[in-house]
Amino acid sequence: FGAQMVSKQQETYTQAGQLAEQALSAVKTVFAFNGSDFELKR
């Protein structure tokens, strides 16, 4: 049971990390095209 919880937790953190990495890498492009207002609302 405990190992399953740890595995699920690691998977969740990995997904969150990937999402954060994508968002941060897109910031430069968003500002280049002046789309920051749209991204903030999203």
PDB file of N, CA and C in Angstrom:
ATOM      1  N   PHE A   1       0.831  -1.206   0.000  1.00  0.00           N
ATOM      2  CA  PHE A   1       0.000   0.000   0.000  1.00  0.00           C
ATOM      3  C   PHE A   1       0.867   1.258   0.000  1.00  0.00           C
ATOM      4  N   GLY A   2       1.854   1.300   0.884  1.00  0.00           N
ATOM      5  CA  GLY A   2       2.719   2.477   0.975  1.00  0.00           C
ATOM      6  C   GLY A   2       3.523   2.699  -0.290  1.00  0.00           C
ATOM      7  N   ALA A   3       4.018   1.620  -0.883  1.00  0.00           N
ATOM      8  CA  ALA A   3       4.805   1.735  -2.109  1.00  0.00           C
ATOM      9  C   ALA A   3       3.943   2.250  -3.259  1.00  0.00           C
ATOM     10  N   GLN A   4       2.683   1.836  -3.285  1.00  0.00           N
ATOM     11  CA  GLN A   4       1.773   2.309  -4.332  1.00  0.00           C
ATOM     12  C   GLN A   4       1.521   3.804  -4.186  1.00  0.00           C
ATOM     13  N   MET A   5       1.390   4.259  -2.952  1.00  0.00           N
ATOM     14  CA  MET A   5       1.167   5.686  -2.700  1.00  0.00           C
ATOM     15  C   MET A   5       2.377   6.496  -3.156  1.00  0.00           C
ATOM     16  N   VAL A   6       3.571   6.013  -2.826  1.00  0.00           N
ATOM     17  CA  VAL A   6       4.798   6.710  -3.212  1.00  0.00           C
ATOM     18  C   VAL A   6       4.918   6.753  -4.730  1.00  0.00           C
ATOM     19  N   SER A   7       4.602   5.653  -5.384  1.00  0.00           N
ATOM     20  CA  SER A   7       4.674   5.587  -6.843  1.00  0.00           C
ATOM     21  C   SER A   7       3.702   6.576  -7.480  1.00  0.00           C
ATOM     22  N   LYS A   8       2.485   6.623  -6.968  1.00  0.00           N
ATOM     23  CA  LYS A   8       1.471   7.548  -7.488  1.00  0.00           C
ATOM     24  C   LYS A   8       1.897   8.996  -7.251  1.00  0.00           C
ATOM     25  N   GLN A   9       2.484   9.256  -6.095  1.00  0.00           N
ATOM     26  CA  GLN A   9       2.949  10.597  -5.766  1.00  0.00           C
ATOM     27  C   GLN A   9       4.059  11.025  -6.723  1.00  0.00           C
ATOM     28  N   GLN A  10       4.994  10.136  -6.990  1.00  0.00           N
ATOM     29  CA  GLN A  10       6.088  10.450  -7.905  1.00  0.00           C
ATOM     30  C   GLN A  10       5.558  10.726  -9.308  1.00  0.00           C
ATOM     31  N   GLU A  11       4.591   9.949  -9.733  1.00  0.00           N
ATOM     32  CA  GLU A  11       3.991  10.151 -11.055  1.00  0.00           C
ATOM     33  C   GLU A  11       3.319  11.524 -11.137  1.00  0.00           C
ATOM     34  N   THR A  12       2.610  11.892 -10.083  1.00  0.00           N
ATOM     35  CA  THR A  12       1.925  13.183 -10.047  1.00  0.00           C
ATOM     36  C   THR A  12       2.920  14.338 -10.077  1.00  0.00           C
ATOM     37  N   TYR A  13       3.984  14.236  -9.294  1.00  0.00           N
ATOM     38  CA  TYR A  13       5.012  15.282  -9.287  1.00  0.00           C
ATOM     39  C   TYR A  13       5.710  15.384 -10.637  1.00  0.00           C
ATOM     40  N   THR A  14       5.918  14.260 -11.294  1.00  0.00           N
ATOM     41  CA  THR A  14       6.534  14.266 -12.620  1.00  0.00           C
ATOM     42  C   THR A  14       5.652  15.000 -13.615  1.00  0.00           C
ATOM     43  N   GLN A  15       4.362  14.708 -13.584  1.00  0.00           N
ATOM     44  CA  GLN A  15       3.423  15.378 -14.492  1.00  0.00           C
ATOM     45  C   GLN A  15       3.367  16.878 -14.210  1.00  0.00           C
ATOM     46  N   ALA A  16       3.339  17.244 -12.944  1.00  0.00           N
ATOM     47  CA  ALA A  16       3.298  18.662 -12.581  1.00  0.00           C
ATOM     48  C   ALA A  16       4.577  19.363 -13.021  1.00  0.00           C
ATOM     49  N   GLY A  17       5.695  18.696 -12.857  1.00  0.00           N
ATOM     50  CA  GLY A  17       6.975  19.266 -13.278  1.00  0.00           C
ATOM     51  C   GLY A  17       7.037  19.476 -14.777  1.00  0.00           C
ATOM     52  N   GLN A  18       6.510  18.527 -15.521  1.00  0.00           N
ATOM     53  CA  GLN A  18       6.491  18.658 -16.977  1.00  0.00           C
ATOM     54  C   GLN A  18       5.607  19.819 -17.406  1.00  0.00           C
ATOM     55  N   LEU A  19       4.469  19.962 -16.761  1.00  0.00           N
ATOM     56  CA  LEU A  19       3.559  21.059 -17.078  1.00  0.00           C
ATOM     57  C   LEU A  19       4.209  22.406 -16.777  1.00  0.00           C
ATOM     58  N   ALA A  20       4.858  22.505 -15.624  1.00  0.00           N
ATOM     59  CA  ALA A  20       5.531  23.750 -15.252  1.00  0.00           C
ATOM     60  C   ALA A  20       6.656  24.067 -16.229  1.00  0.00           C
ATOM     61  N   GLU A  21       7.397  23.067 -16.633  1.00  0.00           N
ATOM     62  CA  GLU A  21       8.495  23.272 -17.579  1.00  0.00           C
ATOM     63  C   GLU A  21       7.974  23.780 -18.917  1.00  0.00           C
ATOM     64  N   GLN A  22       6.871  23.219 -19.386  1.00  0.00           N
ATOM     65  CA  GLN A  22       6.269  23.668 -20.643  1.00  0.00           C
ATOM     66  C   GLN A  22       5.806  25.119 -20.534  1.00  0.00           C
ATOM     67  N   ALA A  23       5.174  25.448 -19.427  1.00  0.00           N
ATOM     68  CA  ALA A  23       4.667  26.811 -19.243  1.00  0.00           C
ATOM     69  C   ALA A  23       5.809  27.817 -19.206  1.00  0.00           C
ATOM     70  N   LEU A  24       6.863  27.491 -18.475  1.00  0.00           N
ATOM     71  CA  LEU A  24       7.992  28.414 -18.366  1.00  0.00           C
ATOM     72  C   LEU A  24       8.737  28.560 -19.688  1.00  0.00           C
ATOM     73  N   SER A  25       8.849  27.488 -20.433  1.00  0.00           N
ATOM     74  CA  SER A  25       9.555  27.571 -21.709  1.00  0.00           C
ATOM     75  C   SER A  25       8.760  28.356 -22.745  1.00  0.00           C
ATOM     76  N   ALA A  26       7.447  28.435 -22.560  1.00  0.00           N
ATOM     77  CA  ALA A  26       6.606  29.157 -23.507  1.00  0.00           C
ATOM     78  C   ALA A  26       6.520  30.650 -23.207  1.00  0.00           C
ATOM     79  N   VAL A  27       6.981  31.078 -22.049  1.00  0.00           N
ATOM     80  CA  VAL A  27       6.858  32.488 -21.656  1.00  0.00           C
ATOM     81  C   VAL A  27       7.538  33.401 -22.669  1.00  0.00           C
ATOM     82  N   LYS A  28       8.717  33.046 -23.104  1.00  0.00           N
ATOM     83  CA  LYS A  28       9.463  33.873 -24.052  1.00  0.00           C
ATOM     84  C   LYS A  28       8.679  34.037 -25.357  1.00  0.00           C
ATOM     85  N   THR A  29       8.111  32.965 -25.844  1.00  0.00           N
ATOM     86  CA  THR A  29       7.335  33.017 -27.084  1.00  0.00           C
ATOM     87  C   THR A  29       6.072  33.845 -26.904  1.00  0.00           C
ATOM     88  N   VAL A  30       5.409  33.672 -25.785  1.00  0.00           N
ATOM     89  CA  VAL A  30       4.171  34.416 -25.518  1.00  0.00           C
ATOM     90  C   VAL A  30       4.442  35.911 -25.514  1.00  0.00           C
ATOM     91  N   PHE A  31       5.504  36.326 -24.831  1.00  0.00           N
ATOM     92  CA  PHE A  31       5.820  37.748 -24.796  1.00  0.00           C
ATOM     93  C   PHE A  31       6.271  38.248 -26.164  1.00  0.00           C
ATOM     94  N   ALA A  32       6.935  37.399 -26.930  1.00  0.00           N
ATOM     95  CA  ALA A  32       7.368  37.791 -28.266  1.00  0.00           C
ATOM     96  C   ALA A  32       6.168  38.098 -29.157  1.00  0.00           C
ATOM     97  N   PHE A  33       5.087  37.391 -28.966  1.00  0.00           N
ATOM     98  CA  PHE A  33       3.889  37.615 -29.772  1.00  0.00           C
ATOM     99  C   PHE A  33       2.833  38.421 -29.023  1.00  0.00           C
ATOM    100  N   ASN A  34       3.216  38.986 -27.883  1.00  0.00           N
ATOM    101  CA  ASN A  34       2.333  39.840 -27.092  1.00  0.00           C
ATOM    102  C   ASN A  34       1.034  39.126 -26.725  1.00  0.00           C
ATOM    103  N   GLY A  35       1.141  37.864 -26.355  1.00  0.00           N
ATOM    104  CA  GLY A  35      -0.041  37.100 -25.987  1.00  0.00           C
ATOM    105  C   GLY A  35      -0.149  36.876 -24.496  1.00  0.00           C
ATOM    106  N   SER A  36       0.508  37.703 -23.709  1.00  0.00           N
ATOM    107  CA  SER A  36       0.529  37.482 -22.266  1.00  0.00           C
ATOM    108  C   SER A  36      -0.855  37.621 -21.635  1.00  0.00           C
ATOM    109  N   ASP A  37      -1.680  38.522 -22.130  1.00  0.00           N
ATOM    110  CA  ASP A  37      -3.025  38.681 -21.563  1.00  0.00           C
ATOM    111  C   ASP A  37      -3.841  37.404 -21.738  1.00  0.00           C
ATOM    112  N   PHE A  38      -3.752  36.815 -22.918  1.00  0.00           N
ATOM    113  CA  PHE A  38      -4.472  35.563 -23.177  1.00  0.00           C
ATOM    114  C   PHE A  38      -3.979  34.458 -22.257  1.00  0.00           C
ATOM    115  N   GLU A  39      -2.678  34.331 -22.107  1.00  0.00           N
ATOM    116  CA  GLU A  39      -2.115  33.266 -21.287  1.00  0.00           C
ATOM    117  C   GLU A  39      -2.457  33.458 -19.813  1.00  0.00           C
ATOM    118  N   LEU A  40      -2.500  34.672 -19.344  1.00  0.00           N
ATOM    119  CA  LEU A  40      -2.852  34.919 -17.947  1.00  0.00           C
ATOM    120  C   LEU A  40      -4.301  34.521 -17.673  1.00  0.00           C
ATOM    121  N   LYS A  41      -5.179  34.757 -18.624  1.00  0.00           N
ATOM    122  CA  LYS A  41      -6.582  34.392 -18.456  1.00  0.00           C
ATOM    123  C   LYS A  41      -6.788  32.889 -18.540  1.00  0.00           C
ATOM    124  N   ARG A  42      -5.904  32.210 -19.278  1.00  0.00           N
ATOM    125  CA  ARG A  42      -6.016  30.767 -19.443  1.00  0.00           C
ATOM    126  C   ARG A  42      -5.589  30.121 -18.162  1.00  0.00           C
TER     127      ARG A  42
END
